[in-house]
Amino acid sequence: MSTDTHPAIPTTAAPTPPRRSKRRWSRAQKAIVWLLGLAALGVFAVVAFLAWTESKIDRIPDTELVSLAAISPASSGEPINFLVVGTDDRSAIPDDWDLGYYGRFTGKRADVIMIAHLVPGERIQILSIPRDLKVSIPGNGTNRINAAYVVGGPDLLVQVLQDELGIPIHHYVEIGFGGVGRIVDSLGGVTLDFPEPGRDQKSGFRIDAGTHTLGGEQAVAYARSRHYEVLRDGRWKSTPGGDIARTQRQQQIIVQLFDQITSPSSAFNLPAFLPTVADQITADEGLTLGLMADLGQVALTLKTGDIERTTLPVKNTRGSDGRAYVEPTPEAQAVIDAFLAGDPYP
C-alpha cells in the first residue's frame, strides 16, 4: 500500500518593516534651540523687569490732574513738554544725611520748577522758572508761582504756568531732593568741574578746585545752594545770581546726569538706575511704559550738546503787598517763543 506524500509547502515569513532611523540633533541644532529658549526667557525677563519698574512710579490720577494739555495720537512725533517739579519734601531724606542743613519741616513745597521740551531728532530744551515769579493764582490773588503748588497741588501749578506763560504742559513729573540724591548715587555719582574751591555754609556744600564726582548728598547740597561762595585770592567771596544762579547749577547737574546715562560706561548702572528713578518720582498716568520707551529712544539719539538750557529772564520787583517778587523782562517773550517753536534760544 502506497502512501501519497505531498511536498512540503515552504512558508514565507512576513516582511520586516524597515526600521525608522532615529533622528539625531546635531550640536549646532541643539545650540540654536537652547539660544532661542534663552532669548525668549530674556525677553520675558526684560518685560517683567520693565513692568515691575513702571509699577514703582507713584501715579497722580487723571481726575486730579485735569489741566494737562492733550496730545492726540495723530500728533505723535511733535514736540512734547514735561513739567519737572523738585520738592523740598524731607520725609524721604536718607537716614545718613545731615538733617541740620535741611531742617525738619513737614509738608512739601515746589523748590524747583522746570519745563523740559523734547524736539524729536533735534534738541532738548530746559526752561527754569524762578520760584518767586509773580503770578495770579485763581481764587488766591497775586502770589509767587510756588505758592500755586502749596494751595492747589500739581494741577493748579500746571494751570497757572499755562495761563501765565502760554506754554502747554503735556506731562508732569515730581521728585523730592532726597530722591535726586538716590538717583545720583545709583549712577555712581555725578562728575563736575570746579575752577575754584566753593562752599555754601547754609546748604552744607564744600568742595576743592578740580574735577570731582559728587555723591547724592553733595549733589543736592550744590543744587540747592543759594549762598554760593568761591575761594579767590585767599578770601571767600559771594557769587552773584542768587536764585537764578541756583537754577543754573540745577541745570548743570541734569545735563551731566544725561551725559552719564547715555554713556556706554553707565550700561552696568542701568539695572539699578531705572528702578531707583521709578521709585522716587510721581507722574501723571499718561506717562506710560511705552511712551517712556519711545522717549528714551529719541533721547539716546541726542548728545549733551543738543541740550539747551536757560532761565526765564526776570527782574526784581516788589508787590503792593510789600513782598519781594521777580517778573518777566521784555526779553522773556522771545525766550518763550523760541521754546514753543523748538528753536534755539535767542
C-alpha atoms as a PDB file:
ATOM      1  CA  MET A   1       0.000   0.000   0.000  1.00  0.00           C
ATOM      2  CA  SER A   2       1.465   3.115  -1.100  1.00  0.00           C
ATOM      3  CA  THR A   3       1.289   6.297   0.826  1.00  0.00           C
ATOM      4  CA  ASP A   4       0.931   9.544  -1.092  1.00  0.00           C
ATOM      5  CA  THR A   5       3.382  12.077   0.013  1.00  0.00           C
ATOM      6  CA  HIS A   6       2.815  15.758  -0.598  1.00  0.00           C
ATOM      7  CA  PRO A   7       5.771  18.021  -0.995  1.00  0.00           C
ATOM      8  CA  ALA A   8       6.175  20.476   1.864  1.00  0.00           C
ATOM      9  CA  ILE A   9       4.979  23.934   1.037  1.00  0.00           C
ATOM     10  CA  PRO A  10       7.628  26.453   2.073  1.00  0.00           C
ATOM     11  CA  THR A  11       6.345  29.117   4.395  1.00  0.00           C
ATOM     12  CA  THR A  12       7.277  32.689   3.674  1.00  0.00           C
ATOM     13  CA  ALA A  13       7.995  34.914   6.673  1.00  0.00           C
ATOM     14  CA  ALA A  14       6.196  38.280   6.783  1.00  0.00           C
ATOM     15  CA  PRO A  15       8.461  41.065   5.547  1.00  0.00           C
ATOM     16  CA  THR A  16      10.101  43.021   8.355  1.00  0.00           C
ATOM     17  CA  PRO A  17       9.116  46.699   8.175  1.00  0.00           C
ATOM     18  CA  PRO A  18      12.062  48.979   7.656  1.00  0.00           C
ATOM     19  CA  ARG A  19      13.360  50.347  10.939  1.00  0.00           C
ATOM     20  CA  ARG A  20      12.958  54.095  11.269  1.00  0.00           C
ATOM     21  CA  SER A  21      16.208  55.797  11.744  1.00  0.00           C
ATOM     22  CA  LYS A  22      16.275  57.792  14.948  1.00  0.00           C
ATOM     23  CA  ARG A  23      16.720  61.486  14.157  1.00  0.00           C
ATOM     24  CA  ARG A  24      19.715  62.843  15.825  1.00  0.00           C
ATOM     25  CA  TRP A  25      20.154  66.543  16.527  1.00  0.00           C
ATOM     26  CA  SER A  26      23.470  67.996  15.712  1.00  0.00           C
ATOM     27  CA  ARG A  27      25.287  70.057  18.265  1.00  0.00           C
ATOM     28  CA  ALA A  28      24.628  73.167  16.201  1.00  0.00           C
ATOM     29  CA  GLN A  29      20.864  72.495  16.172  1.00  0.00           C
ATOM     30  CA  LYS A  30      20.825  71.929  19.919  1.00  0.00           C
ATOM     31  CA  ALA A  31      22.743  75.146  20.448  1.00  0.00           C
ATOM     32  CA  ILE A  32      20.283  77.111  18.294  1.00  0.00           C
ATOM     33  CA  VAL A  33      17.269  75.739  20.201  1.00  0.00           C
ATOM     34  CA  TRP A  34      18.994  76.483  23.503  1.00  0.00           C
ATOM     35  CA  LEU A  35      19.791  80.042  22.409  1.00  0.00           C
ATOM     36  CA  LEU A  36      16.226  80.652  21.192  1.00  0.00           C
ATOM     37  CA  GLY A  37      14.857  79.445  24.514  1.00  0.00           C
ATOM     38  CA  LEU A  38      17.303  81.626  26.372  1.00  0.00           C
ATOM     39  CA  ALA A  39      16.364  84.631  24.200  1.00  0.00           C
ATOM     40  CA  ALA A  40      12.642  84.066  24.858  1.00  0.00           C
ATOM     41  CA  LEU A  41      13.366  83.809  28.553  1.00  0.00           C
ATOM     42  CA  GLY A  42      15.381  87.025  28.322  1.00  0.00           C
ATOM     43  CA  VAL A  43      12.543  88.862  26.578  1.00  0.00           C
ATOM     44  CA  PHE A  44      10.076  87.779  29.258  1.00  0.00           C
ATOM     45  CA  ALA A  45      12.560  88.826  31.946  1.00  0.00           C
ATOM     46  CA  VAL A  46      13.045  92.272  30.379  1.00  0.00           C
ATOM     47  CA  VAL A  47       9.292  92.812  30.003  1.00  0.00           C
ATOM     48  CA  ALA A  48       8.723  91.706  33.584  1.00  0.00           C
ATOM     49  CA  PHE A  49      11.533  93.974  34.798  1.00  0.00           C
ATOM     50  CA  LEU A  50      10.139  96.995  32.952  1.00  0.00           C
ATOM     51  CA  ALA A  51       6.598  96.311  34.158  1.00  0.00           C
ATOM     52  CA  TRP A  52       7.879  95.964  37.716  1.00  0.00           C
ATOM     53  CA  THR A  53       9.855  99.190  37.275  1.00  0.00           C
ATOM     54  CA  GLU A  54       6.809 101.068  35.994  1.00  0.00           C
ATOM     55  CA  SER A  55       4.712  99.777  38.894  1.00  0.00           C
ATOM     56  CA  LYS A  56       7.021 101.594  41.302  1.00  0.00           C
ATOM     57  CA  ILE A  57       6.014 105.025  39.942  1.00  0.00           C
ATOM     58  CA  ASP A  58       3.578 106.892  42.172  1.00  0.00           C
ATOM     59  CA  ARG A  59       0.737 107.953  39.850  1.00  0.00           C
ATOM     60  CA  ILE A  60      -1.488 111.025  40.001  1.00  0.00           C
ATOM     61  CA  PRO A  61      -4.999 110.073  38.825  1.00  0.00           C
ATOM     62  CA  ASP A  62      -6.266 111.827  35.707  1.00  0.00           C
ATOM     63  CA  THR A  63      -9.162 113.171  37.759  1.00  0.00           C
ATOM     64  CA  GLU A  64      -6.669 115.096  39.915  1.00  0.00           C
ATOM     65  CA  LEU A  65      -4.596 116.450  37.045  1.00  0.00           C
ATOM     66  CA  VAL A  66      -7.137 117.784  34.579  1.00  0.00           C
ATOM     67  CA  SER A  67      -5.165 120.821  33.403  1.00  0.00           C
ATOM     68  CA  LEU A  68      -2.619 118.901  31.322  1.00  0.00           C
ATOM     69  CA  ALA A  69      -2.723 119.745  27.635  1.00  0.00           C
ATOM     70  CA  ALA A  70      -3.769 116.809  25.469  1.00  0.00           C
ATOM     71  CA  ILE A  71      -1.713 115.382  22.619  1.00  0.00           C
ATOM     72  CA  SER A  72      -3.704 113.421  20.050  1.00  0.00           C
ATOM     73  CA  PRO A  73      -2.273 110.174  18.615  1.00  0.00           C
ATOM     74  CA  ALA A  74      -2.017 111.880  15.235  1.00  0.00           C
ATOM     75  CA  SER A  75       0.447 114.365  16.651  1.00  0.00           C
ATOM     76  CA  SER A  76       2.958 111.787  17.871  1.00  0.00           C
ATOM     77  CA  GLY A  77       6.443 112.901  16.967  1.00  0.00           C
ATOM     78  CA  GLU A  78       5.525 116.505  17.713  1.00  0.00           C
ATOM     79  CA  PRO A  79       7.368 118.479  20.406  1.00  0.00           C
ATOM     80  CA  ILE A  80       6.312 117.451  23.901  1.00  0.00           C
ATOM     81  CA  ASN A  81       6.622 119.378  27.179  1.00  0.00           C
ATOM     82  CA  PHE A  82       7.270 117.982  30.656  1.00  0.00           C
ATOM     83  CA  LEU A  83       6.842 119.963  33.842  1.00  0.00           C
ATOM     84  CA  VAL A  84       9.502 118.762  36.272  1.00  0.00           C
ATOM     85  CA  VAL A  85       8.980 119.819  39.885  1.00  0.00           C
ATOM     86  CA  GLY A  86      11.538 119.281  42.610  1.00  0.00           C
ATOM     87  CA  THR A  87      10.022 119.471  46.083  1.00  0.00           C
ATOM     88  CA  ASP A  88      11.626 120.081  49.461  1.00  0.00           C
ATOM     89  CA  ASP A  89       9.899 117.015  50.911  1.00  0.00           C
ATOM     90  CA  ARG A  90      12.044 115.979  53.862  1.00  0.00           C
ATOM     91  CA  SER A  91      10.220 112.714  54.573  1.00  0.00           C
ATOM     92  CA  ALA A  92      12.323 110.815  52.015  1.00  0.00           C
ATOM     93  CA  ILE A  93      15.755 112.126  53.043  1.00  0.00           C
ATOM     94  CA  PRO A  94      18.175 109.186  53.546  1.00  0.00           C
ATOM     95  CA  ASP A  95      18.957 108.412  57.167  1.00  0.00           C
ATOM     96  CA  ASP A  96      22.684 109.055  56.767  1.00  0.00           C
ATOM     97  CA  TRP A  97      22.255 112.642  55.513  1.00  0.00           C
ATOM     98  CA  ASP A  98      22.958 115.568  57.836  1.00  0.00           C
ATOM     99  CA  LEU A  99      19.470 116.897  58.594  1.00  0.00           C
ATOM    100  CA  GLY A 100      20.993 120.011  60.135  1.00  0.00           C
ATOM    101  CA  TYR A 101      21.261 121.509  56.663  1.00  0.00           C
ATOM    102  CA  TYR A 102      17.689 120.682  55.663  1.00  0.00           C
ATOM    103  CA  GLY A 103      15.615 121.360  58.747  1.00  0.00           C
ATOM    104  CA  ARG A 104      12.710 119.281  59.957  1.00  0.00           C
ATOM    105  CA  PHE A 105       9.794 120.921  58.176  1.00  0.00           C
ATOM    106  CA  THR A 106       6.622 118.971  57.433  1.00  0.00           C
ATOM    107  CA  GLY A 107       4.802 119.039  54.098  1.00  0.00           C
ATOM    108  CA  LYS A 108       6.444 119.969  50.830  1.00  0.00           C
ATOM    109  CA  ARG A 109       6.834 122.969  48.576  1.00  0.00           C
ATOM    110  CA  ALA A 110       7.864 123.423  44.937  1.00  0.00           C
ATOM    111  CA  ASP A 111      11.587 124.082  45.296  1.00  0.00           C
ATOM    112  CA  VAL A 112      12.492 123.581  41.624  1.00  0.00           C
ATOM    113  CA  ILE A 113      10.245 124.296  38.629  1.00  0.00           C
ATOM    114  CA  MET A 114      11.498 123.353  35.153  1.00  0.00           C
ATOM    115  CA  ILE A 115       9.829 122.741  31.819  1.00  0.00           C
ATOM    116  CA  ALA A 116      11.637 120.287  29.541  1.00  0.00           C
ATOM    117  CA  HIS A 117      10.838 120.473  25.830  1.00  0.00           C
ATOM    118  CA  LEU A 118      11.748 117.479  23.653  1.00  0.00           C
ATOM    119  CA  VAL A 119      12.074 118.229  19.944  1.00  0.00           C
ATOM    120  CA  PRO A 120      12.470 114.753  18.361  1.00  0.00           C
ATOM    121  CA  GLY A 121      15.735 114.352  16.486  1.00  0.00           C
ATOM    122  CA  GLU A 122      16.906 117.886  17.235  1.00  0.00           C
ATOM    123  CA  ARG A 123      17.251 119.007  20.835  1.00  0.00           C
ATOM    124  CA  ILE A 124      16.070 119.058  24.402  1.00  0.00           C
ATOM    125  CA  GLN A 125      15.307 122.488  25.805  1.00  0.00           C
ATOM    126  CA  ILE A 126      15.184 123.201  29.520  1.00  0.00           C
ATOM    127  CA  LEU A 127      13.462 126.337  30.803  1.00  0.00           C
ATOM    128  CA  SER A 128      13.756 127.021  34.531  1.00  0.00           C
ATOM    129  CA  ILE A 129      11.031 129.092  36.161  1.00  0.00           C
ATOM    130  CA  PRO A 130      12.111 131.115  39.215  1.00  0.00           C
ATOM    131  CA  ARG A 131      10.013 130.064  42.173  1.00  0.00           C
ATOM    132  CA  ASP A 132       9.472 133.704  43.176  1.00  0.00           C
ATOM    133  CA  LEU A 133       7.823 134.566  39.835  1.00  0.00           C
ATOM    134  CA  LYS A 134       4.891 136.915  40.373  1.00  0.00           C
ATOM    135  CA  VAL A 135       1.677 135.341  39.100  1.00  0.00           C
ATOM    136  CA  SER A 136      -2.074 135.460  39.520  1.00  0.00           C
ATOM    137  CA  ILE A 137      -3.397 132.313  41.199  1.00  0.00           C
ATOM    138  CA  PRO A 138      -7.119 131.653  40.590  1.00  0.00           C
ATOM    139  CA  GLY A 139      -9.017 132.156  43.817  1.00  0.00           C
ATOM    140  CA  ASN A 140      -5.889 133.289  45.676  1.00  0.00           C
ATOM    141  CA  GLY A 141      -4.867 136.582  44.068  1.00  0.00           C
ATOM    142  CA  THR A 142      -1.263 137.603  43.436  1.00  0.00           C
ATOM    143  CA  ASN A 143       1.463 135.360  44.806  1.00  0.00           C
ATOM    144  CA  ARG A 144       4.692 133.596  43.955  1.00  0.00           C
ATOM    145  CA  ILE A 145       4.470 130.728  41.457  1.00  0.00           C
ATOM    146  CA  ASN A 146       5.500 128.099  44.001  1.00  0.00           C
ATOM    147  CA  ALA A 147       2.507 129.063  46.138  1.00  0.00           C
ATOM    148  CA  ALA A 148       0.246 127.552  43.447  1.00  0.00           C
ATOM    149  CA  TYR A 149       1.626 124.132  44.352  1.00  0.00           C
ATOM    150  CA  VAL A 150       1.042 124.677  48.073  1.00  0.00           C
ATOM    151  CA  VAL A 151      -2.512 125.953  47.532  1.00  0.00           C
ATOM    152  CA  GLY A 152      -3.734 123.554  44.854  1.00  0.00           C
ATOM    153  CA  GLY A 153      -1.092 120.925  44.203  1.00  0.00           C
ATOM    154  CA  PRO A 154       0.243 119.864  40.787  1.00  0.00           C
ATOM    155  CA  ASP A 155      -2.972 120.636  38.891  1.00  0.00           C
ATOM    156  CA  LEU A 156      -3.121 124.280  39.957  1.00  0.00           C
ATOM    157  CA  LEU A 157       0.595 124.721  39.272  1.00  0.00           C
ATOM    158  CA  VAL A 158       0.113 123.375  35.745  1.00  0.00           C
ATOM    159  CA  GLN A 159      -2.883 125.662  35.210  1.00  0.00           C
ATOM    160  CA  VAL A 160      -1.068 128.789  36.397  1.00  0.00           C
ATOM    161  CA  LEU A 161       2.016 128.086  34.281  1.00  0.00           C
ATOM    162  CA  GLN A 162      -0.086 127.574  31.166  1.00  0.00           C
ATOM    163  CA  ASP A 163      -2.123 130.720  31.854  1.00  0.00           C
ATOM    164  CA  GLU A 164       0.857 132.937  32.671  1.00  0.00           C
ATOM    165  CA  LEU A 165       3.393 131.749  30.088  1.00  0.00           C
ATOM    166  CA  GLY A 166       1.208 130.247  27.369  1.00  0.00           C
ATOM    167  CA  ILE A 167       3.270 127.041  27.386  1.00  0.00           C
ATOM    168  CA  PRO A 168       1.228 123.820  27.142  1.00  0.00           C
ATOM    169  CA  ILE A 169       2.192 121.152  29.686  1.00  0.00           C
ATOM    170  CA  HIS A 170       1.695 117.586  28.459  1.00  0.00           C
ATOM    171  CA  HIS A 171       3.204 115.551  31.291  1.00  0.00           C
ATOM    172  CA  TYR A 172       4.034 116.063  34.946  1.00  0.00           C
ATOM    173  CA  VAL A 173       6.966 114.613  36.920  1.00  0.00           C
ATOM    174  CA  GLU A 174       7.713 115.351  40.579  1.00  0.00           C
ATOM    175  CA  ILE A 175      10.638 114.328  42.761  1.00  0.00           C
ATOM    176  CA  GLY A 176      11.883 115.214  46.238  1.00  0.00           C
ATOM    177  CA  PHE A 177      15.502 116.222  46.735  1.00  0.00           C
ATOM    178  CA  GLY A 178      16.133 113.035  48.720  1.00  0.00           C
ATOM    179  CA  GLY A 179      15.088 111.159  45.578  1.00  0.00           C
ATOM    180  CA  VAL A 180      17.518 113.175  43.468  1.00  0.00           C
ATOM    181  CA  GLY A 181      20.302 112.095  45.808  1.00  0.00           C
ATOM    182  CA  ARG A 182      19.347 108.437  45.489  1.00  0.00           C
ATOM    183  CA  ILE A 183      19.270 108.700  41.672  1.00  0.00           C
ATOM    184  CA  VAL A 184      22.718 110.303  41.624  1.00  0.00           C
ATOM    185  CA  ASP A 185      24.044 107.512  43.852  1.00  0.00           C
ATOM    186  CA  SER A 186      22.502 104.821  41.611  1.00  0.00           C
ATOM    187  CA  LEU A 187      24.704 106.110  38.777  1.00  0.00           C
ATOM    188  CA  GLY A 188      27.799 106.137  40.921  1.00  0.00           C
ATOM    189  CA  GLY A 189      27.734 109.915  41.410  1.00  0.00           C
ATOM    190  CA  VAL A 190      27.835 112.904  39.090  1.00  0.00           C
ATOM    191  CA  THR A 191      31.129 114.339  37.849  1.00  0.00           C
ATOM    192  CA  LEU A 192      31.538 118.130  37.741  1.00  0.00           C
ATOM    193  CA  ASP A 193      34.397 120.575  37.248  1.00  0.00           C
ATOM    194  CA  PHE A 194      35.100 123.294  39.806  1.00  0.00           C
ATOM    195  CA  PRO A 195      37.542 126.006  38.645  1.00  0.00           C
ATOM    196  CA  GLU A 196      37.806 127.330  42.209  1.00  0.00           C
ATOM    197  CA  PRO A 197      37.141 125.983  45.701  1.00  0.00           C
ATOM    198  CA  GLY A 198      33.479 126.512  46.566  1.00  0.00           C
ATOM    199  CA  ARG A 199      31.165 126.356  49.532  1.00  0.00           C
ATOM    200  CA  ASP A 200      27.713 127.184  50.857  1.00  0.00           C
ATOM    201  CA  GLN A 201      27.599 127.181  54.617  1.00  0.00           C
ATOM    202  CA  LYS A 202      23.789 127.046  54.651  1.00  0.00           C
ATOM    203  CA  SER A 203      23.372 124.064  52.340  1.00  0.00           C
ATOM    204  CA  GLY A 204      26.464 122.316  53.719  1.00  0.00           C
ATOM    205  CA  PHE A 205      28.323 122.138  50.412  1.00  0.00           C
ATOM    206  CA  ARG A 206      32.103 122.433  50.270  1.00  0.00           C
ATOM    207  CA  ILE A 207      34.500 121.414  47.501  1.00  0.00           C
ATOM    208  CA  ASP A 208      38.111 121.884  46.444  1.00  0.00           C
ATOM    209  CA  ALA A 209      39.090 123.083  42.972  1.00  0.00           C
ATOM    210  CA  GLY A 210      39.275 120.400  40.298  1.00  0.00           C
ATOM    211  CA  THR A 211      37.129 117.615  38.856  1.00  0.00           C
ATOM    212  CA  HIS A 212      35.094 115.772  41.455  1.00  0.00           C
ATOM    213  CA  THR A 213      32.473 113.030  41.474  1.00  0.00           C
ATOM    214  CA  LEU A 214      29.732 114.154  43.833  1.00  0.00           C
ATOM    215  CA  GLY A 215      27.647 111.659  45.764  1.00  0.00           C
ATOM    216  CA  GLY A 216      23.916 112.181  46.159  1.00  0.00           C
ATOM    217  CA  GLU A 217      24.090 114.311  49.296  1.00  0.00           C
ATOM    218  CA  GLN A 218      26.817 116.546  47.879  1.00  0.00           C
ATOM    219  CA  ALA A 219      24.988 116.945  44.560  1.00  0.00           C
ATOM    220  CA  VAL A 220      21.783 118.036  46.316  1.00  0.00           C
ATOM    221  CA  ALA A 221      23.678 120.465  48.557  1.00  0.00           C
ATOM    222  CA  TYR A 222      25.268 122.001  45.440  1.00  0.00           C
ATOM    223  CA  ALA A 223      21.965 122.170  43.551  1.00  0.00           C
ATOM    224  CA  ARG A 224      20.166 123.803  46.488  1.00  0.00           C
ATOM    225  CA  SER A 225      22.883 126.379  47.145  1.00  0.00           C
ATOM    226  CA  ARG A 226      21.598 129.969  47.249  1.00  0.00           C
ATOM    227  CA  HIS A 227      24.613 131.471  49.025  1.00  0.00           C
ATOM    228  CA  TYR A 228      27.477 130.063  46.972  1.00  0.00           C
ATOM    229  CA  GLU A 229      30.964 131.359  47.662  1.00  0.00           C
ATOM    230  CA  VAL A 230      34.330 130.790  45.964  1.00  0.00           C
ATOM    231  CA  LEU A 231      37.813 130.991  47.457  1.00  0.00           C
ATOM    232  CA  ARG A 232      39.658 133.640  45.479  1.00  0.00           C
ATOM    233  CA  ASP A 233      42.932 135.328  46.434  1.00  0.00           C
ATOM    234  CA  GLY A 234      42.776 133.700  49.833  1.00  0.00           C
ATOM    235  CA  ARG A 235      39.306 135.037  50.688  1.00  0.00           C
ATOM    236  CA  TRP A 236      35.814 133.610  50.443  1.00  0.00           C
ATOM    237  CA  LYS A 237      33.727 135.763  48.114  1.00  0.00           C
ATOM    238  CA  SER A 238      29.993 135.585  47.427  1.00  0.00           C
ATOM    239  CA  THR A 239      28.942 134.872  43.856  1.00  0.00           C
ATOM    240  CA  PRO A 240      26.148 136.870  42.207  1.00  0.00           C
ATOM    241  CA  GLY A 241      22.913 135.489  40.858  1.00  0.00           C
ATOM    242  CA  GLY A 242      21.039 134.217  43.895  1.00  0.00           C
ATOM    243  CA  ASP A 243      18.100 132.076  42.804  1.00  0.00           C
ATOM    244  CA  ILE A 244      18.964 132.415  39.095  1.00  0.00           C
ATOM    245  CA  ALA A 245      22.481 131.081  39.640  1.00  0.00           C
ATOM    246  CA  ARG A 246      20.905 128.301  41.684  1.00  0.00           C
ATOM    247  CA  THR A 247      18.764 127.192  38.722  1.00  0.00           C
ATOM    248  CA  GLN A 248      21.897 127.166  36.555  1.00  0.00           C
ATOM    249  CA  ARG A 249      23.572 124.772  38.988  1.00  0.00           C
ATOM    250  CA  GLN A 250      20.496 122.531  38.887  1.00  0.00           C
ATOM    251  CA  GLN A 251      20.613 122.506  35.091  1.00  0.00           C
ATOM    252  CA  GLN A 252      24.327 121.729  35.182  1.00  0.00           C
ATOM    253  CA  ILE A 253      23.666 118.590  37.214  1.00  0.00           C
ATOM    254  CA  ILE A 254      20.805 117.494  34.944  1.00  0.00           C
ATOM    255  CA  VAL A 255      22.933 117.861  31.803  1.00  0.00           C
ATOM    256  CA  GLN A 256      25.820 115.959  33.353  1.00  0.00           C
ATOM    257  CA  LEU A 257      23.496 113.187  34.510  1.00  0.00           C
ATOM    258  CA  PHE A 258      22.135 112.909  30.956  1.00  0.00           C
ATOM    259  CA  ASP A 259      25.707 112.625  29.664  1.00  0.00           C
ATOM    260  CA  GLN A 260      26.439 109.822  32.112  1.00  0.00           C
ATOM    261  CA  ILE A 261      23.183 107.958  31.446  1.00  0.00           C
ATOM    262  CA  THR A 262      23.832 107.905  27.686  1.00  0.00           C
ATOM    263  CA  SER A 263      27.471 106.909  28.113  1.00  0.00           C
ATOM    264  CA  PRO A 264      28.295 103.249  27.324  1.00  0.00           C
ATOM    265  CA  SER A 265      30.208 103.073  30.608  1.00  0.00           C
ATOM    266  CA  SER A 266      26.923 103.552  32.510  1.00  0.00           C
ATOM    267  CA  ALA A 267      25.266 100.475  30.992  1.00  0.00           C
ATOM    268  CA  PHE A 268      26.028  98.389  34.088  1.00  0.00           C
ATOM    269  CA  ASN A 269      24.344 101.002  36.298  1.00  0.00           C
ATOM    270  CA  LEU A 270      21.029 101.000  34.397  1.00  0.00           C
ATOM    271  CA  PRO A 271      19.507  97.979  36.230  1.00  0.00           C
ATOM    272  CA  ALA A 272      19.863  99.979  39.464  1.00  0.00           C
ATOM    273  CA  PHE A 273      19.182 103.384  37.913  1.00  0.00           C
ATOM    274  CA  LEU A 274      15.814 102.660  36.266  1.00  0.00           C
ATOM    275  CA  PRO A 275      14.032 101.213  39.339  1.00  0.00           C
ATOM    276  CA  THR A 276      15.519 103.963  41.501  1.00  0.00           C
ATOM    277  CA  VAL A 277      14.095 106.661  39.223  1.00  0.00           C
ATOM    278  CA  ALA A 278      10.698 104.944  39.149  1.00  0.00           C
ATOM    279  CA  ASP A 279      10.658 104.564  42.912  1.00  0.00           C
ATOM    280  CA  GLN A 280      11.464 108.236  43.509  1.00  0.00           C
ATOM    281  CA  ILE A 281       9.140 110.028  41.079  1.00  0.00           C
ATOM    282  CA  THR A 282       5.461 110.913  40.974  1.00  0.00           C
ATOM    283  CA  ALA A 283       3.987 111.232  37.478  1.00  0.00           C
ATOM    284  CA  ASP A 284       0.741 111.586  35.552  1.00  0.00           C
ATOM    285  CA  GLU A 285      -0.998 108.420  34.349  1.00  0.00           C
ATOM    286  CA  GLY A 286      -0.356 109.289  30.708  1.00  0.00           C
ATOM    287  CA  LEU A 287       3.393 108.801  31.112  1.00  0.00           C
ATOM    288  CA  THR A 288       3.175 105.112  30.268  1.00  0.00           C
ATOM    289  CA  LEU A 289       5.883 102.490  29.858  1.00  0.00           C
ATOM    290  CA  GLY A 290       5.508 102.593  26.064  1.00  0.00           C
ATOM    291  CA  LEU A 291       5.796 106.369  25.951  1.00  0.00           C
ATOM    292  CA  MET A 292       8.830 106.341  28.224  1.00  0.00           C
ATOM    293  CA  ALA A 293      10.495 103.742  25.984  1.00  0.00           C
ATOM    294  CA  ASP A 294       9.780 105.836  22.885  1.00  0.00           C
ATOM    295  CA  LEU A 295      11.097 108.978  24.544  1.00  0.00           C
ATOM    296  CA  GLY A 296      14.156 107.105  25.731  1.00  0.00           C
ATOM    297  CA  GLN A 297      14.943 106.013  22.177  1.00  0.00           C
ATOM    298  CA  VAL A 298      14.598 109.601  20.952  1.00  0.00           C
ATOM    299  CA  ALA A 299      16.750 110.949  23.775  1.00  0.00           C
ATOM    300  CA  LEU A 300      19.509 108.436  23.074  1.00  0.00           C
ATOM    301  CA  THR A 301      19.920 109.885  19.578  1.00  0.00           C
ATOM    302  CA  LEU A 302      20.879 113.223  21.124  1.00  0.00           C
ATOM    303  CA  LYS A 303      24.151 114.384  22.639  1.00  0.00           C
ATOM    304  CA  THR A 304      24.928 116.636  25.563  1.00  0.00           C
ATOM    305  CA  GLY A 305      25.490 119.490  23.111  1.00  0.00           C
ATOM    306  CA  ASP A 306      21.888 119.086  21.950  1.00  0.00           C
ATOM    307  CA  ILE A 307      20.599 120.161  25.354  1.00  0.00           C
ATOM    308  CA  GLU A 308      19.866 123.887  25.571  1.00  0.00           C
ATOM    309  CA  ARG A 309      19.134 125.421  28.951  1.00  0.00           C
ATOM    310  CA  THR A 310      18.143 128.803  30.216  1.00  0.00           C
ATOM    311  CA  THR A 311      16.147 130.506  32.940  1.00  0.00           C
ATOM    312  CA  LEU A 312      13.169 132.722  32.195  1.00  0.00           C
ATOM    313  CA  PRO A 313      14.583 136.279  32.082  1.00  0.00           C
ATOM    314  CA  VAL A 314      13.247 138.165  35.100  1.00  0.00           C
ATOM    315  CA  LYS A 315      13.853 141.291  37.157  1.00  0.00           C
ATOM    316  CA  ASN A 316      13.326 142.003  40.830  1.00  0.00           C
ATOM    317  CA  THR A 317      10.165 143.807  41.859  1.00  0.00           C
ATOM    318  CA  ARG A 318       8.056 144.411  44.928  1.00  0.00           C
ATOM    319  CA  GLY A 319       4.327 143.845  45.072  1.00  0.00           C
ATOM    320  CA  SER A 320       1.667 146.029  46.620  1.00  0.00           C
ATOM    321  CA  ASP A 321       1.675 143.534  49.493  1.00  0.00           C
ATOM    322  CA  GLY A 322       5.267 144.534  50.247  1.00  0.00           C
ATOM    323  CA  ARG A 323       6.678 141.136  49.262  1.00  0.00           C
ATOM    324  CA  ALA A 324       9.675 140.657  47.001  1.00  0.00           C
ATOM    325  CA  TYR A 325       8.952 139.028  43.620  1.00  0.00           C
ATOM    326  CA  VAL A 326      10.528 138.608  40.210  1.00  0.00           C
ATOM    327  CA  GLU A 327       8.649 139.332  36.993  1.00  0.00           C
ATOM    328  CA  PRO A 328       9.461 138.675  33.319  1.00  0.00           C
ATOM    329  CA  THR A 329      11.638 141.174  31.471  1.00  0.00           C
ATOM    330  CA  PRO A 330      10.825 142.303  27.901  1.00  0.00           C
ATOM    331  CA  GLU A 331      13.280 139.641  26.666  1.00  0.00           C
ATOM    332  CA  ALA A 332      11.264 136.850  28.271  1.00  0.00           C
ATOM    333  CA  GLN A 333       8.719 136.576  25.472  1.00  0.00           C
ATOM    334  CA  ALA A 334      11.425 135.882  22.878  1.00  0.00           C
ATOM    335  CA  VAL A 335      12.670 133.009  25.038  1.00  0.00           C
ATOM    336  CA  ILE A 336       9.125 131.633  25.416  1.00  0.00           C
ATOM    337  CA  ASP A 337       8.504 131.927  21.660  1.00  0.00           C
ATOM    338  CA  ALA A 338      11.704 130.004  20.890  1.00  0.00           C
ATOM    339  CA  PHE A 339      10.728 127.356  23.420  1.00  0.00           C
ATOM    340  CA  LEU A 340       7.270 126.948  21.896  1.00  0.00           C
ATOM    341  CA  ALA A 341       8.685 126.711  18.366  1.00  0.00           C
ATOM    342  CA  GLY A 342      11.502 124.361  19.340  1.00  0.00           C
ATOM    343  CA  ASP A 343      14.016 126.863  18.001  1.00  0.00           C
ATOM    344  CA  PRO A 344      17.391 127.662  19.597  1.00  0.00           C
ATOM    345  CA  TYR A 345      17.164 130.201  22.399  1.00  0.00           C
ATOM    346  CA  PRO A 346      17.903 133.799  21.374  1.00  0.00           C
END
